[in-house]
Structure formats: C-alpha cells, structure tokens
Full PDB file with SEQRES, HELIX, SHEET, SSBOND, CRYST1, ORIGX, SCALE, CONECT and MASTER records, all heavy atoms in Angstrom:
SEQRES   1 A   37  GLU ILE GLY MET GLN ALA GLY LEU ALA GLY LYS ASN ARG          
SEQRES   2 A   37  ALA PHE VAL GLU SER VAL PRO PHE ASP GLN VAL VAL GLY          
SEQRES   3 A   37  SER ILE HIS THR LEU ASP GLY PHE ASP LEU TYR                  
HELIX    1 AA1 ALA A    9  VAL A   16  1                                   8    
SHEET    1 AA1 2 ILE A   2  GLY A   3  0                                        
SHEET    2 AA1 2 GLY A  26  SER A  27  1                                        
SHEET    1 AA2 2 THR A  30  LEU A  31  0                                        
SHEET    2 AA2 2 PHE A  34  ASP A  35 -1                                        
CRYST1    1.000    1.000    1.000  90.00  90.00  90.00 P 1           1          
ORIGX1      1.000000  0.000000  0.000000        0.00000                         
ORIGX2      0.000000  1.000000  0.000000        0.00000                         
ORIGX3      0.000000  0.000000  1.000000        0.00000                         
SCALE1      1.000000  0.000000  0.000000        0.00000                         
SCALE2      0.000000  1.000000  0.000000        0.00000                         
SCALE3      0.000000  0.000000  1.000000        0.00000                         
ATOM      1  N   GLU A   1       1.216   3.385   4.702  1.00  0.00           N  
ATOM      2  CA  GLU A   1       2.538   4.000   4.712  1.00  0.00           C  
ATOM      3  C   GLU A   1       3.498   3.028   5.387  1.00  0.00           C  
ATOM      4  O   GLU A   1       3.430   2.809   6.595  1.00  0.00           O  
ATOM      5  CB  GLU A   1       2.531   5.338   5.454  1.00  0.00           C  
ATOM      6  CG  GLU A   1       3.900   6.017   5.436  1.00  0.00           C  
ATOM      7  CD  GLU A   1       3.932   7.346   6.158  1.00  0.00           C  
ATOM      8  OE1 GLU A   1       2.928   7.720   6.806  1.00  0.00           O  
ATOM      9  OE2 GLU A   1       4.982   8.023   6.098  1.00  0.00           O  
ATOM     10  N   ILE A   2       4.359   2.430   4.587  1.00  0.00           N  
ATOM     11  CA  ILE A   2       5.296   1.418   5.058  1.00  0.00           C  
ATOM     12  C   ILE A   2       6.588   2.089   5.531  1.00  0.00           C  
ATOM     13  O   ILE A   2       7.176   2.894   4.802  1.00  0.00           O  
ATOM     14  CB  ILE A   2       5.621   0.416   3.923  1.00  0.00           C  
ATOM     15  CG1 ILE A   2       4.406  -0.460   3.612  1.00  0.00           C  
ATOM     16  CG2 ILE A   2       6.834  -0.429   4.250  1.00  0.00           C  
ATOM     17  CD1 ILE A   2       4.131  -1.528   4.646  1.00  0.00           C  
ATOM     18  N   GLY A   3       7.027   1.738   6.726  1.00  0.00           N  
ATOM     19  CA  GLY A   3       8.320   2.202   7.199  1.00  0.00           C  
ATOM     20  C   GLY A   3       9.420   1.341   6.597  1.00  0.00           C  
ATOM     21  O   GLY A   3       9.492   0.136   6.857  1.00  0.00           O  
ATOM     22  N   MET A   4      10.257   1.938   5.769  1.00  0.00           N  
ATOM     23  CA  MET A   4      11.311   1.187   5.082  1.00  0.00           C  
ATOM     24  C   MET A   4      12.575   1.155   5.945  1.00  0.00           C  
ATOM     25  O   MET A   4      13.021   2.191   6.447  1.00  0.00           O  
ATOM     26  CB  MET A   4      11.626   1.819   3.726  1.00  0.00           C  
ATOM     27  CG  MET A   4      10.446   1.858   2.780  1.00  0.00           C  
ATOM     28  SD  MET A   4      10.885   2.406   1.093  1.00  0.00           S  
ATOM     29  CE  MET A   4      11.413   4.109   1.408  1.00  0.00           C  
ATOM     30  N   GLN A   5      13.111  -0.040   6.101  1.00  0.00           N  
ATOM     31  CA  GLN A   5      14.385  -0.227   6.788  1.00  0.00           C  
ATOM     32  C   GLN A   5      15.157  -1.321   6.055  1.00  0.00           C  
ATOM     33  O   GLN A   5      14.556  -2.197   5.414  1.00  0.00           O  
ATOM     34  CB  GLN A   5      14.187  -0.662   8.244  1.00  0.00           C  
ATOM     35  CG  GLN A   5      13.533   0.342   9.148  1.00  0.00           C  
ATOM     36  CD  GLN A   5      13.498  -0.138  10.584  1.00  0.00           C  
ATOM     37  OE1 GLN A   5      14.499  -0.610  11.127  1.00  0.00           O  
ATOM     38  NE2 GLN A   5      12.340  -0.031  11.218  1.00  0.00           N  
ATOM     39  N   ALA A   6      16.464  -1.288   6.184  1.00  0.00           N  
ATOM     40  CA  ALA A   6      17.276  -2.359   5.602  1.00  0.00           C  
ATOM     41  C   ALA A   6      16.873  -3.689   6.229  1.00  0.00           C  
ATOM     42  O   ALA A   6      16.683  -3.788   7.439  1.00  0.00           O  
ATOM     43  CB  ALA A   6      18.760  -2.082   5.864  1.00  0.00           C  
ATOM     44  N   GLY A   7      16.706  -4.695   5.392  1.00  0.00           N  
ATOM     45  CA  GLY A   7      16.369  -6.023   5.880  1.00  0.00           C  
ATOM     46  C   GLY A   7      14.893  -6.293   6.065  1.00  0.00           C  
ATOM     47  O   GLY A   7      14.501  -7.409   6.407  1.00  0.00           O  
ATOM     48  N   LEU A   8      14.039  -5.281   5.824  1.00  0.00           N  
ATOM     49  CA  LEU A   8      12.599  -5.470   6.034  1.00  0.00           C  
ATOM     50  C   LEU A   8      11.808  -5.616   4.738  1.00  0.00           C  
ATOM     51  O   LEU A   8      10.586  -5.738   4.782  1.00  0.00           O  
ATOM     52  CB  LEU A   8      12.015  -4.298   6.832  1.00  0.00           C  
ATOM     53  CG  LEU A   8      12.248  -4.301   8.338  1.00  0.00           C  
ATOM     54  CD1 LEU A   8      11.497  -3.129   8.974  1.00  0.00           C  
ATOM     55  CD2 LEU A   8      11.787  -5.606   8.979  1.00  0.00           C  
ATOM     56  N   ALA A   9      12.475  -5.603   3.606  1.00  0.00           N  
ATOM     57  CA  ALA A   9      11.741  -5.620   2.334  1.00  0.00           C  
ATOM     58  C   ALA A   9      10.832  -6.831   2.227  1.00  0.00           C  
ATOM     59  O   ALA A   9       9.680  -6.715   1.783  1.00  0.00           O  
ATOM     60  CB  ALA A   9      12.708  -5.568   1.157  1.00  0.00           C  
ATOM     61  N   GLY A  10      11.309  -8.004   2.613  1.00  0.00           N  
ATOM     62  CA  GLY A  10      10.491  -9.212   2.509  1.00  0.00           C  
ATOM     63  C   GLY A  10       9.246  -9.142   3.368  1.00  0.00           C  
ATOM     64  O   GLY A  10       8.134  -9.453   2.909  1.00  0.00           O  
ATOM     65  N   LYS A  11       9.400  -8.747   4.626  1.00  0.00           N  
ATOM     66  CA  LYS A  11       8.252  -8.634   5.531  1.00  0.00           C  
ATOM     67  C   LYS A  11       7.301  -7.535   5.068  1.00  0.00           C  
ATOM     68  O   LYS A  11       6.076  -7.692   5.126  1.00  0.00           O  
ATOM     69  CB  LYS A  11       8.731  -8.342   6.946  1.00  0.00           C  
ATOM     70  CG  LYS A  11       9.426  -9.512   7.629  1.00  0.00           C  
ATOM     71  CD  LYS A  11       9.828  -9.125   9.050  1.00  0.00           C  
ATOM     72  CE  LYS A  11      10.504 -10.280   9.766  1.00  0.00           C  
ATOM     73  NZ  LYS A  11      10.927  -9.898  11.143  1.00  0.00           N  
ATOM     74  N   ASN A  12       7.861  -6.431   4.624  1.00  0.00           N  
ATOM     75  CA  ASN A  12       7.005  -5.335   4.151  1.00  0.00           C  
ATOM     76  C   ASN A  12       6.224  -5.737   2.908  1.00  0.00           C  
ATOM     77  O   ASN A  12       5.043  -5.399   2.769  1.00  0.00           O  
ATOM     78  CB  ASN A  12       7.856  -4.096   3.866  1.00  0.00           C  
ATOM     79  CG  ASN A  12       8.182  -3.312   5.122  1.00  0.00           C  
ATOM     80  OD1 ASN A  12       7.482  -3.415   6.132  1.00  0.00           O  
ATOM     81  ND2 ASN A  12       9.241  -2.524   5.088  1.00  0.00           N  
ATOM     82  N   ARG A  13       6.861  -6.469   2.019  1.00  0.00           N  
ATOM     83  CA  ARG A  13       6.167  -6.912   0.811  1.00  0.00           C  
ATOM     84  C   ARG A  13       5.018  -7.859   1.162  1.00  0.00           C  
ATOM     85  O   ARG A  13       3.915  -7.741   0.601  1.00  0.00           O  
ATOM     86  CB  ARG A  13       7.136  -7.603  -0.141  1.00  0.00           C  
ATOM     87  CG  ARG A  13       6.465  -8.010  -1.449  1.00  0.00           C  
ATOM     88  CD  ARG A  13       7.477  -8.413  -2.497  1.00  0.00           C  
ATOM     89  NE  ARG A  13       6.865  -8.430  -3.813  1.00  0.00           N  
ATOM     90  CZ  ARG A  13       7.517  -8.257  -4.951  1.00  0.00           C  
ATOM     91  NH1 ARG A  13       8.819  -8.027  -4.935  1.00  0.00           N  
ATOM     92  NH2 ARG A  13       6.886  -8.276  -6.106  1.00  0.00           N  
ATOM     93  N   ALA A  14       5.245  -8.767   2.100  1.00  0.00           N  
ATOM     94  CA  ALA A  14       4.189  -9.696   2.506  1.00  0.00           C  
ATOM     95  C   ALA A  14       3.009  -8.933   3.096  1.00  0.00           C  
ATOM     96  O   ALA A  14       1.839  -9.271   2.835  1.00  0.00           O  
ATOM     97  CB  ALA A  14       4.743 -10.697   3.517  1.00  0.00           C  
ATOM     98  N   PHE A  15       3.277  -7.893   3.865  1.00  0.00           N  
ATOM     99  CA  PHE A  15       2.198  -7.088   4.435  1.00  0.00           C  
ATOM    100  C   PHE A  15       1.407  -6.397   3.332  1.00  0.00           C  
ATOM    101  O   PHE A  15       0.170  -6.424   3.325  1.00  0.00           O  
ATOM    102  CB  PHE A  15       2.768  -6.044   5.398  1.00  0.00           C  
ATOM    103  CG  PHE A  15       1.712  -5.239   6.094  1.00  0.00           C  
ATOM    104  CD1 PHE A  15       1.228  -5.629   7.322  1.00  0.00           C  
ATOM    105  CD2 PHE A  15       1.186  -4.085   5.512  1.00  0.00           C  
ATOM    106  CE1 PHE A  15       0.232  -4.896   7.968  1.00  0.00           C  
ATOM    107  CE2 PHE A  15       0.197  -3.354   6.134  1.00  0.00           C  
ATOM    108  CZ  PHE A  15      -0.283  -3.750   7.373  1.00  0.00           C  
ATOM    109  N   VAL A  16       2.109  -5.775   2.409  1.00  0.00           N  
ATOM    110  CA  VAL A  16       1.468  -5.046   1.316  1.00  0.00           C  
ATOM    111  C   VAL A  16       0.562  -5.971   0.495  1.00  0.00           C  
ATOM    112  O   VAL A  16      -0.506  -5.548   0.022  1.00  0.00           O  
ATOM    113  CB  VAL A  16       2.546  -4.396   0.417  1.00  0.00           C  
ATOM    114  CG1 VAL A  16       1.985  -3.970  -0.926  1.00  0.00           C  
ATOM    115  CG2 VAL A  16       3.181  -3.213   1.138  1.00  0.00           C  
ATOM    116  N   GLU A  17       0.976  -7.203   0.343  1.00  0.00           N  
ATOM    117  CA  GLU A  17       0.227  -8.141  -0.495  1.00  0.00           C  
ATOM    118  C   GLU A  17      -0.901  -8.843   0.252  1.00  0.00           C  
ATOM    119  O   GLU A  17      -1.629  -9.641  -0.345  1.00  0.00           O  
ATOM    120  CB  GLU A  17       1.190  -9.165  -1.096  1.00  0.00           C  
ATOM    121  CG  GLU A  17       2.169  -8.532  -2.095  1.00  0.00           C  
ATOM    122  CD  GLU A  17       3.206  -9.506  -2.643  1.00  0.00           C  
ATOM    123  OE1 GLU A  17       3.302 -10.639  -2.106  1.00  0.00           O  
ATOM    124  OE2 GLU A  17       3.924  -9.126  -3.589  1.00  0.00           O  
ATOM    125  N   SER A  18      -1.083  -8.516   1.546  1.00  0.00           N  
ATOM    126  CA  SER A  18      -2.084  -9.229   2.347  1.00  0.00           C  
ATOM    127  C   SER A  18      -3.514  -8.780   2.069  1.00  0.00           C  
ATOM    128  O   SER A  18      -4.459  -9.543   2.270  1.00  0.00           O  
ATOM    129  CB  SER A  18      -1.772  -9.073   3.841  1.00  0.00           C  
ATOM    130  OG  SER A  18      -1.832  -7.716   4.239  1.00  0.00           O  
ATOM    131  N   VAL A  19      -3.697  -7.534   1.638  1.00  0.00           N  
ATOM    132  CA  VAL A  19      -5.014  -7.029   1.220  1.00  0.00           C  
ATOM    133  C   VAL A  19      -4.805  -6.148  -0.011  1.00  0.00           C  
ATOM    134  O   VAL A  19      -3.698  -5.678  -0.260  1.00  0.00           O  
ATOM    135  CB  VAL A  19      -5.719  -6.221   2.347  1.00  0.00           C  
ATOM    136  CG1 VAL A  19      -6.097  -7.108   3.516  1.00  0.00           C  
ATOM    137  CG2 VAL A  19      -4.877  -5.050   2.806  1.00  0.00           C  
ATOM    138  N   PRO A  20      -5.862  -5.887  -0.776  1.00  0.00           N  
ATOM    139  CA  PRO A  20      -5.686  -5.132  -2.031  1.00  0.00           C  
ATOM    140  C   PRO A  20      -5.618  -3.622  -1.828  1.00  0.00           C  
ATOM    141  O   PRO A  20      -6.523  -2.868  -2.213  1.00  0.00           O  
ATOM    142  CB  PRO A  20      -6.916  -5.533  -2.852  1.00  0.00           C  
ATOM    143  CG  PRO A  20      -7.967  -5.841  -1.845  1.00  0.00           C  
ATOM    144  CD  PRO A  20      -7.232  -6.456  -0.678  1.00  0.00           C  
ATOM    145  N   PHE A  21      -4.535  -3.145  -1.232  1.00  0.00           N  
ATOM    146  CA  PHE A  21      -4.352  -1.709  -1.034  1.00  0.00           C  
ATOM    147  C   PHE A  21      -4.417  -0.968  -2.373  1.00  0.00           C  
ATOM    148  O   PHE A  21      -3.953  -1.463  -3.392  1.00  0.00           O  
ATOM    149  CB  PHE A  21      -2.992  -1.430  -0.387  1.00  0.00           C  
ATOM    150  CG  PHE A  21      -2.872  -1.855   1.043  1.00  0.00           C  
ATOM    151  CD1 PHE A  21      -2.117  -2.962   1.390  1.00  0.00           C  
ATOM    152  CD2 PHE A  21      -3.518  -1.152   2.044  1.00  0.00           C  
ATOM    153  CE1 PHE A  21      -1.995  -3.365   2.712  1.00  0.00           C  
ATOM    154  CE2 PHE A  21      -3.410  -1.534   3.375  1.00  0.00           C  
ATOM    155  CZ  PHE A  21      -2.640  -2.649   3.705  1.00  0.00           C  
ATOM    156  N   ASP A  22      -4.973   0.229  -2.332  1.00  0.00           N  
ATOM    157  CA  ASP A  22      -4.982   1.079  -3.519  1.00  0.00           C  
ATOM    158  C   ASP A  22      -3.629   1.721  -3.768  1.00  0.00           C  
ATOM    159  O   ASP A  22      -3.259   2.000  -4.914  1.00  0.00           O  
ATOM    160  CB  ASP A  22      -6.031   2.194  -3.363  1.00  0.00           C  
ATOM    161  CG  ASP A  22      -7.445   1.673  -3.519  1.00  0.00           C  
ATOM    162  OD1 ASP A  22      -7.747   1.079  -4.568  1.00  0.00           O  
ATOM    163  OD2 ASP A  22      -8.235   1.852  -2.574  1.00  0.00           O  
ATOM    164  N   GLN A  23      -2.882   1.955  -2.689  1.00  0.00           N  
ATOM    165  CA  GLN A  23      -1.657   2.738  -2.800  1.00  0.00           C  
ATOM    166  C   GLN A  23      -0.710   2.372  -1.655  1.00  0.00           C  
ATOM    167  O   GLN A  23      -1.143   2.158  -0.522  1.00  0.00           O  
ATOM    168  CB  GLN A  23      -1.999   4.219  -2.710  1.00  0.00           C  
ATOM    169  CG  GLN A  23      -0.822   5.164  -2.655  1.00  0.00           C  
ATOM    170  CD  GLN A  23      -1.262   6.580  -2.411  1.00  0.00           C  
ATOM    171  OE1 GLN A  23      -1.764   7.250  -3.316  1.00  0.00           O  
ATOM    172  NE2 GLN A  23      -1.108   7.079  -1.193  1.00  0.00           N  
ATOM    173  N   VAL A  24       0.579   2.318  -1.973  1.00  0.00           N  
ATOM    174  CA  VAL A  24       1.591   2.026  -0.954  1.00  0.00           C  
ATOM    175  C   VAL A  24       2.635   3.144  -0.949  1.00  0.00           C  
ATOM    176  O   VAL A  24       3.265   3.417  -1.967  1.00  0.00           O  
ATOM    177  CB  VAL A  24       2.278   0.669  -1.199  1.00  0.00           C  
ATOM    178  CG1 VAL A  24       3.338   0.413  -0.125  1.00  0.00           C  
ATOM    179  CG2 VAL A  24       1.246  -0.458  -1.218  1.00  0.00           C  
ATOM    180  N   VAL A  25       2.765   3.791   0.204  1.00  0.00           N  
ATOM    181  CA  VAL A  25       3.748   4.849   0.403  1.00  0.00           C  
ATOM    182  C   VAL A  25       4.919   4.273   1.191  1.00  0.00           C  
ATOM    183  O   VAL A  25       4.708   3.562   2.180  1.00  0.00           O  
ATOM    184  CB  VAL A  25       3.128   6.026   1.192  1.00  0.00           C  
ATOM    185  CG1 VAL A  25       4.157   7.120   1.430  1.00  0.00           C  
ATOM    186  CG2 VAL A  25       1.913   6.577   0.464  1.00  0.00           C  
ATOM    187  N   GLY A  26       6.129   4.564   0.777  1.00  0.00           N  
ATOM    188  CA  GLY A  26       7.318   4.148   1.516  1.00  0.00           C  
ATOM    189  C   GLY A  26       7.962   5.344   2.184  1.00  0.00           C  
ATOM    190  O   GLY A  26       8.071   6.418   1.582  1.00  0.00           O  
ATOM    191  N   SER A  27       8.399   5.171   3.435  1.00  0.00           N  
ATOM    192  CA  SER A  27       8.954   6.278   4.211  1.00  0.00           C  
ATOM    193  C   SER A  27      10.169   5.837   5.012  1.00  0.00           C  
ATOM    194  O   SER A  27      10.309   4.661   5.347  1.00  0.00           O  
ATOM    195  CB  SER A  27       7.905   6.823   5.194  1.00  0.00           C  
ATOM    196  OG  SER A  27       6.775   7.320   4.518  1.00  0.00           O  
ATOM    197  N   ILE A  28      11.013   6.799   5.340  1.00  0.00           N  
ATOM    198  CA  ILE A  28      12.095   6.594   6.288  1.00  0.00           C  
ATOM    199  C   ILE A  28      11.757   7.388   7.549  1.00  0.00           C  
ATOM    200  O   ILE A  28      11.767   8.624   7.546  1.00  0.00           O  
ATOM    201  CB  ILE A  28      13.451   7.089   5.728  1.00  0.00           C  
ATOM    202  CG1 ILE A  28      13.805   6.367   4.430  1.00  0.00           C  
ATOM    203  CG2 ILE A  28      14.555   6.919   6.770  1.00  0.00           C  
ATOM    204  CD1 ILE A  28      14.116   4.893   4.581  1.00  0.00           C  
ATOM    205  N   HIS A  29      11.412   6.675   8.617  1.00  0.00           N  
ATOM    206  CA  HIS A  29      11.093   7.301   9.902  1.00  0.00           C  
ATOM    207  C   HIS A  29      12.151   7.016  10.960  1.00  0.00           C  
ATOM    208  O   HIS A  29      12.158   7.650  12.022  1.00  0.00           O  
ATOM    209  CB  HIS A  29       9.750   6.789  10.431  1.00  0.00           C  
ATOM    210  CG  HIS A  29       8.572   7.160   9.598  1.00  0.00           C  
ATOM    211  ND1 HIS A  29       7.609   6.255   9.199  1.00  0.00           N  
ATOM    212  CD2 HIS A  29       8.182   8.351   9.068  1.00  0.00           C  
ATOM    213  CE1 HIS A  29       6.686   6.868   8.484  1.00  0.00           C  
ATOM    214  NE2 HIS A  29       7.014   8.141   8.381  1.00  0.00           N  
ATOM    215  N   THR A  30      13.000   6.027  10.696  1.00  0.00           N  
ATOM    216  CA  THR A  30      14.016   5.631  11.665  1.00  0.00           C  
ATOM    217  C   THR A  30      15.375   5.566  10.980  1.00  0.00           C  
ATOM    218  O   THR A  30      15.462   5.413   9.761  1.00  0.00           O  
ATOM    219  CB  THR A  30      13.695   4.257  12.276  1.00  0.00           C  
ATOM    220  OG1 THR A  30      13.818   3.247  11.267  1.00  0.00           O  
ATOM    221  CG2 THR A  30      12.285   4.225  12.851  1.00  0.00           C  
ATOM    222  N   LEU A  31      16.406   5.653  11.786  1.00  0.00           N  
ATOM    223  CA  LEU A  31      17.762   5.616  11.246  1.00  0.00           C  
ATOM    224  C   LEU A  31      18.705   5.147  12.340  1.00  0.00           C  
ATOM    225  O   LEU A  31      18.646   5.652  13.474  1.00  0.00           O  
ATOM    226  CB  LEU A  31      18.171   7.015  10.768  1.00  0.00           C  
ATOM    227  CG  LEU A  31      19.350   7.137   9.807  1.00  0.00           C  
ATOM    228  CD1 LEU A  31      19.092   6.375   8.517  1.00  0.00           C  
ATOM    229  CD2 LEU A  31      19.630   8.603   9.505  1.00  0.00           C  
ATOM    230  N   ASP A  32      19.512   4.167  12.003  1.00  0.00           N  
ATOM    231  CA  ASP A  32      20.542   3.706  12.939  1.00  0.00           C  
ATOM    232  C   ASP A  32      19.939   3.285  14.280  1.00  0.00           C  
ATOM    233  O   ASP A  32      20.549   3.458  15.340  1.00  0.00           O  
ATOM    234  CB  ASP A  32      21.576   4.818  13.138  1.00  0.00           C  
ATOM    235  CG  ASP A  32      22.923   4.301  13.630  1.00  0.00           C  
ATOM    236  OD1 ASP A  32      23.214   3.119  13.383  1.00  0.00           O  
ATOM    237  OD2 ASP A  32      23.674   5.081  14.248  1.00  0.00           O  
ATOM    238  N   GLY A  33      18.708   2.738  14.221  1.00  0.00           N  
ATOM    239  CA  GLY A  33      18.043   2.276  15.439  1.00  0.00           C  
ATOM    240  C   GLY A  33      17.371   3.358  16.260  1.00  0.00           C  
ATOM    241  O   GLY A  33      16.936   3.109  17.394  1.00  0.00           O  
ATOM    242  N   PHE A  34      17.234   4.552  15.717  1.00  0.00           N  
ATOM    243  CA  PHE A  34      16.618   5.671  16.431  1.00  0.00           C  
ATOM    244  C   PHE A  34      15.383   6.157  15.679  1.00  0.00           C  
ATOM    245  O   PHE A  34      15.335   6.141  14.447  1.00  0.00           O  
ATOM    246  CB  PHE A  34      17.600   6.841  16.568  1.00  0.00           C  
ATOM    247  CG  PHE A  34      18.727   6.603  17.525  1.00  0.00           C  
ATOM    248  CD1 PHE A  34      19.904   6.019  17.091  1.00  0.00           C  
ATOM    249  CD2 PHE A  34      18.611   6.966  18.860  1.00  0.00           C  
ATOM    250  CE1 PHE A  34      20.959   5.806  17.966  1.00  0.00           C  
ATOM    251  CE2 PHE A  34      19.660   6.759  19.747  1.00  0.00           C  
ATOM    252  CZ  PHE A  34      20.835   6.173  19.301  1.00  0.00           C  
ATOM    253  N   ASP A  35      14.399   6.634  16.430  1.00  0.00           N  
ATOM    254  CA  ASP A  35      13.232   7.308  15.880  1.00  0.00           C  
ATOM    255  C   ASP A  35      13.634   8.746  15.570  1.00  0.00           C  
ATOM    256  O   ASP A  35      14.065   9.494  16.459  1.00  0.00           O  
ATOM    257  CB  ASP A  35      12.114   7.267  16.922  1.00  0.00           C  
ATOM    258  CG  ASP A  35      10.830   7.924  16.480  1.00  0.00           C  
ATOM    259  OD1 ASP A  35      10.812   8.545  15.400  1.00  0.00           O  
ATOM    260  OD2 ASP A  35       9.829   7.826  17.222  1.00  0.00           O  
ATOM    261  N   LEU A  36      13.492   9.152  14.308  1.00  0.00           N  
ATOM    262  CA  LEU A  36      13.913  10.494  13.895  1.00  0.00           C  
ATOM    263  C   LEU A  36      13.075  11.609  14.511  1.00  0.00           C  
ATOM    264  O   LEU A  36      13.451  12.777  14.427  1.00  0.00           O  
ATOM    265  CB  LEU A  36      13.882  10.598  12.367  1.00  0.00           C  
ATOM    266  CG  LEU A  36      14.947   9.778  11.634  1.00  0.00           C  
ATOM    267  CD1 LEU A  36      14.667   9.758  10.138  1.00  0.00           C  
ATOM    268  CD2 LEU A  36      16.337  10.340  11.909  1.00  0.00           C  
ATOM    269  N   TYR A  37      11.968  11.251  15.133  1.00  0.00           N  
ATOM    270  CA  TYR A  37      11.111  12.246  15.780  1.00  0.00           C  
ATOM    271  C   TYR A  37      11.778  12.848  17.017  1.00  0.00           C  
ATOM    272  O   TYR A  37      11.548  14.012  17.355  1.00  0.00           O  
ATOM    273  CB  TYR A  37       9.788  11.588  16.171  1.00  0.00           C  
ATOM    274  CG  TYR A  37       8.798  12.491  16.863  1.00  0.00           C  
ATOM    275  CD1 TYR A  37       7.958  13.325  16.133  1.00  0.00           C  
ATOM    276  CD2 TYR A  37       8.684  12.506  18.260  1.00  0.00           C  
ATOM    277  CE1 TYR A  37       7.036  14.150  16.766  1.00  0.00           C  
ATOM    278  CE2 TYR A  37       7.766  13.327  18.901  1.00  0.00           C  
ATOM    279  CZ  TYR A  37       6.950  14.133  18.150  1.00  0.00           C  
ATOM    280  OH  TYR A  37       6.039  14.954  18.779  1.00  0.00           O  
TER     281      TYR A  37                                                      
MASTER        0    0    0    1    4    0    0    6  280    1    0    3          
END                                                                             
C-alpha cells in the first residue's frame, strides 16, 4: 500500500519495481503535511 503524495511518484515507482509485487494499492493518508489520523 503506497502512500501517494505530490512529488513522490518517481520514488514510489522505483519502490514498486524493486520486487515483483502481485498488487499495488495507492492511498492518501496525509494532506498538507499532516497525518489525517
């Protein structure tokens, strides 16, 4: 489950491609520098 943020697409893509994951989930857990929890 990848945490999606503006400006992180390149780093997130490199992580996803590092091992042969079966499935990649994208999520928004943070906003404007804050944890939504």
